[in-house]
Amino acid sequence: MGLAELLDIFRIVWHLCRSHFQVAVRLKAALDLVAKCLDIKIKALKLLRLDVATAAAATTGADIQGPKQSAREAASHNDR
């Protein structure tokens, strides 16, 4: 095997390694972007869950306070 054949093999191997490296870099960038998007969605879902829980607690609290106030008002009306 001569020097020309060795250089051809080296070029082929170099080209394959370089192209695989570029693919790997692009794949990693794409996966990082997907991970970032998922992280944003997870944060948004956590905030949404917090908002729903807050709204539910506020609604439940209003429902509980409403009858108590009505009972107090009824008692005060009965005293009059």
C-alpha atoms as a PDB file:
ATOM      1  CA  MET A   1       0.000   0.000   0.000  1.00  0.00           C
ATOM      2  CA  GLY A   2       1.471   3.256  -1.056  1.00  0.00           C
ATOM      3  CA  LEU A   3       1.384   6.709   0.405  1.00  0.00           C
ATOM      4  CA  ALA A   4      -1.399   7.814  -1.962  1.00  0.00           C
ATOM      5  CA  GLU A   5      -3.689   5.019  -0.768  1.00  0.00           C
ATOM      6  CA  LEU A   6      -2.949   5.827   2.884  1.00  0.00           C
ATOM      7  CA  LEU A   7      -3.750   9.494   2.245  1.00  0.00           C
ATOM      8  CA  ASP A   8      -7.017   8.505   0.549  1.00  0.00           C
ATOM      9  CA  ILE A   9      -7.972   6.324   3.512  1.00  0.00           C
ATOM     10  CA  PHE A  10      -7.030   9.139   5.896  1.00  0.00           C
ATOM     11  CA  ARG A  11      -9.155  11.618   3.908  1.00  0.00           C
ATOM     12  CA  ILE A  12     -12.141   9.261   3.925  1.00  0.00           C
ATOM     13  CA  VAL A  13     -11.817   8.622   7.664  1.00  0.00           C
ATOM     14  CA  TRP A  14     -11.308  12.344   8.328  1.00  0.00           C
ATOM     15  CA  HIS A  15     -14.383  13.228   6.244  1.00  0.00           C
ATOM     16  CA  LEU A  16     -16.532  10.623   8.017  1.00  0.00           C
ATOM     17  CA  CYS A  17     -15.379  11.711  11.466  1.00  0.00           C
ATOM     18  CA  ARG A  18     -15.873  15.383  10.643  1.00  0.00           C
ATOM     19  CA  SER A  19     -19.353  14.868   9.209  1.00  0.00           C
ATOM     20  CA  HIS A  20     -20.355  12.669  12.161  1.00  0.00           C
ATOM     21  CA  PHE A  21     -19.016  15.305  14.535  1.00  0.00           C
ATOM     22  CA  GLN A  22     -21.060  18.004  12.788  1.00  0.00           C
ATOM     23  CA  VAL A  23     -24.146  15.803  12.968  1.00  0.00           C
ATOM     24  CA  ALA A  24     -23.494  15.158  16.646  1.00  0.00           C
ATOM     25  CA  VAL A  25     -23.094  18.887  17.333  1.00  0.00           C
ATOM     26  CA  ARG A  26     -26.323  19.688  15.480  1.00  0.00           C
ATOM     27  CA  LEU A  27     -28.144  16.869  17.238  1.00  0.00           C
ATOM     28  CA  LYS A  28     -26.942  18.108  20.611  1.00  0.00           C
ATOM     29  CA  ALA A  29     -28.083  21.639  19.756  1.00  0.00           C
ATOM     30  CA  ALA A  30     -31.492  20.320  18.734  1.00  0.00           C
ATOM     31  CA  LEU A  31     -31.788  18.262  21.910  1.00  0.00           C
ATOM     32  CA  ASP A  32     -30.781  21.287  24.003  1.00  0.00           C
ATOM     33  CA  LEU A  33     -33.489  23.325  22.287  1.00  0.00           C
ATOM     34  CA  VAL A  34     -36.079  20.609  22.965  1.00  0.00           C
ATOM     35  CA  ALA A  35     -34.961  20.424  26.605  1.00  0.00           C
ATOM     36  CA  LYS A  36     -35.255  24.203  26.927  1.00  0.00           C
ATOM     37  CA  CYS A  37     -38.749  24.152  25.416  1.00  0.00           C
ATOM     38  CA  LEU A  38     -39.788  21.334  27.749  1.00  0.00           C
ATOM     39  CA  ASP A  39     -38.359  23.220  30.716  1.00  0.00           C
ATOM     40  CA  ILE A  40     -40.372  26.300  29.744  1.00  0.00           C
ATOM     41  CA  LYS A  41     -43.509  24.166  29.352  1.00  0.00           C
ATOM     42  CA  ILE A  42     -42.921  22.509  32.720  1.00  0.00           C
ATOM     43  CA  LYS A  43     -42.508  25.902  34.373  1.00  0.00           C
ATOM     44  CA  ALA A  44     -45.649  27.160  32.653  1.00  0.00           C
ATOM     45  CA  LEU A  45     -47.589  24.095  33.773  1.00  0.00           C
ATOM     46  CA  LYS A  46     -46.367  24.568  37.348  1.00  0.00           C
ATOM     47  CA  LEU A  47     -47.490  28.205  37.258  1.00  0.00           C
ATOM     48  CA  LEU A  48     -50.810  27.171  35.752  1.00  0.00           C
ATOM     49  CA  ARG A  49     -51.259  24.534  38.446  1.00  0.00           C
ATOM     50  CA  LEU A  50     -50.432  27.153  41.073  1.00  0.00           C
ATOM     51  CA  ASP A  51     -52.942  29.561  39.515  1.00  0.00           C
ATOM     52  CA  VAL A  52     -55.613  26.841  39.436  1.00  0.00           C
ATOM     53  CA  ALA A  53     -54.881  25.893  43.049  1.00  0.00           C
ATOM     54  CA  THR A  54     -54.986  29.555  44.084  1.00  0.00           C
ATOM     55  CA  ALA A  55     -58.242  30.087  42.216  1.00  0.00           C
ATOM     56  CA  ALA A  56     -59.711  26.943  43.736  1.00  0.00           C
ATOM     57  CA  ALA A  57     -58.637  28.007  47.217  1.00  0.00           C
ATOM     58  CA  ALA A  58     -60.068  31.477  46.662  1.00  0.00           C
ATOM     59  CA  THR A  59     -63.337  30.009  45.383  1.00  0.00           C
ATOM     60  CA  THR A  60     -63.531  27.539  48.239  1.00  0.00           C
ATOM     61  CA  GLY A  61     -62.721  30.282  50.720  1.00  0.00           C
ATOM     62  CA  ALA A  62     -65.420  32.521  49.248  1.00  0.00           C
ATOM     63  CA  ASP A  63     -67.931  29.697  49.356  1.00  0.00           C
ATOM     64  CA  ILE A  64     -67.099  29.001  52.984  1.00  0.00           C
ATOM     65  CA  GLN A  65     -67.178  32.667  53.984  1.00  0.00           C
ATOM     66  CA  GLY A  66     -70.416  33.357  52.133  1.00  0.00           C
ATOM     67  CA  PRO A  67     -72.674  31.096  54.217  1.00  0.00           C
ATOM     68  CA  LYS A  68     -70.946  32.161  57.467  1.00  0.00           C
ATOM     69  CA  GLN A  69     -71.632  35.807  56.706  1.00  0.00           C
ATOM     70  CA  SER A  70     -75.182  34.965  55.776  1.00  0.00           C
ATOM     71  CA  ALA A  71     -75.630  33.076  59.033  1.00  0.00           C
ATOM     72  CA  ARG A  72     -74.236  36.042  60.969  1.00  0.00           C
ATOM     73  CA  GLU A  73     -76.494  38.414  59.109  1.00  0.00           C
ATOM     74  CA  ALA A  74     -79.445  36.145  59.770  1.00  0.00           C
ATOM     75  CA  ALA A  75     -78.573  36.028  63.471  1.00  0.00           C
ATOM     76  CA  SER A  76     -78.273  39.802  63.627  1.00  0.00           C
ATOM     77  CA  HIS A  77     -81.629  40.165  61.851  1.00  0.00           C
ATOM     78  CA  ASN A  78     -83.203  37.759  64.343  1.00  0.00           C
ATOM     79  CA  ASP A  79     -81.856  39.825  67.264  1.00  0.00           C
ATOM     80  CA  ARG A  80     -83.436  42.976  65.885  1.00  0.00           C
END
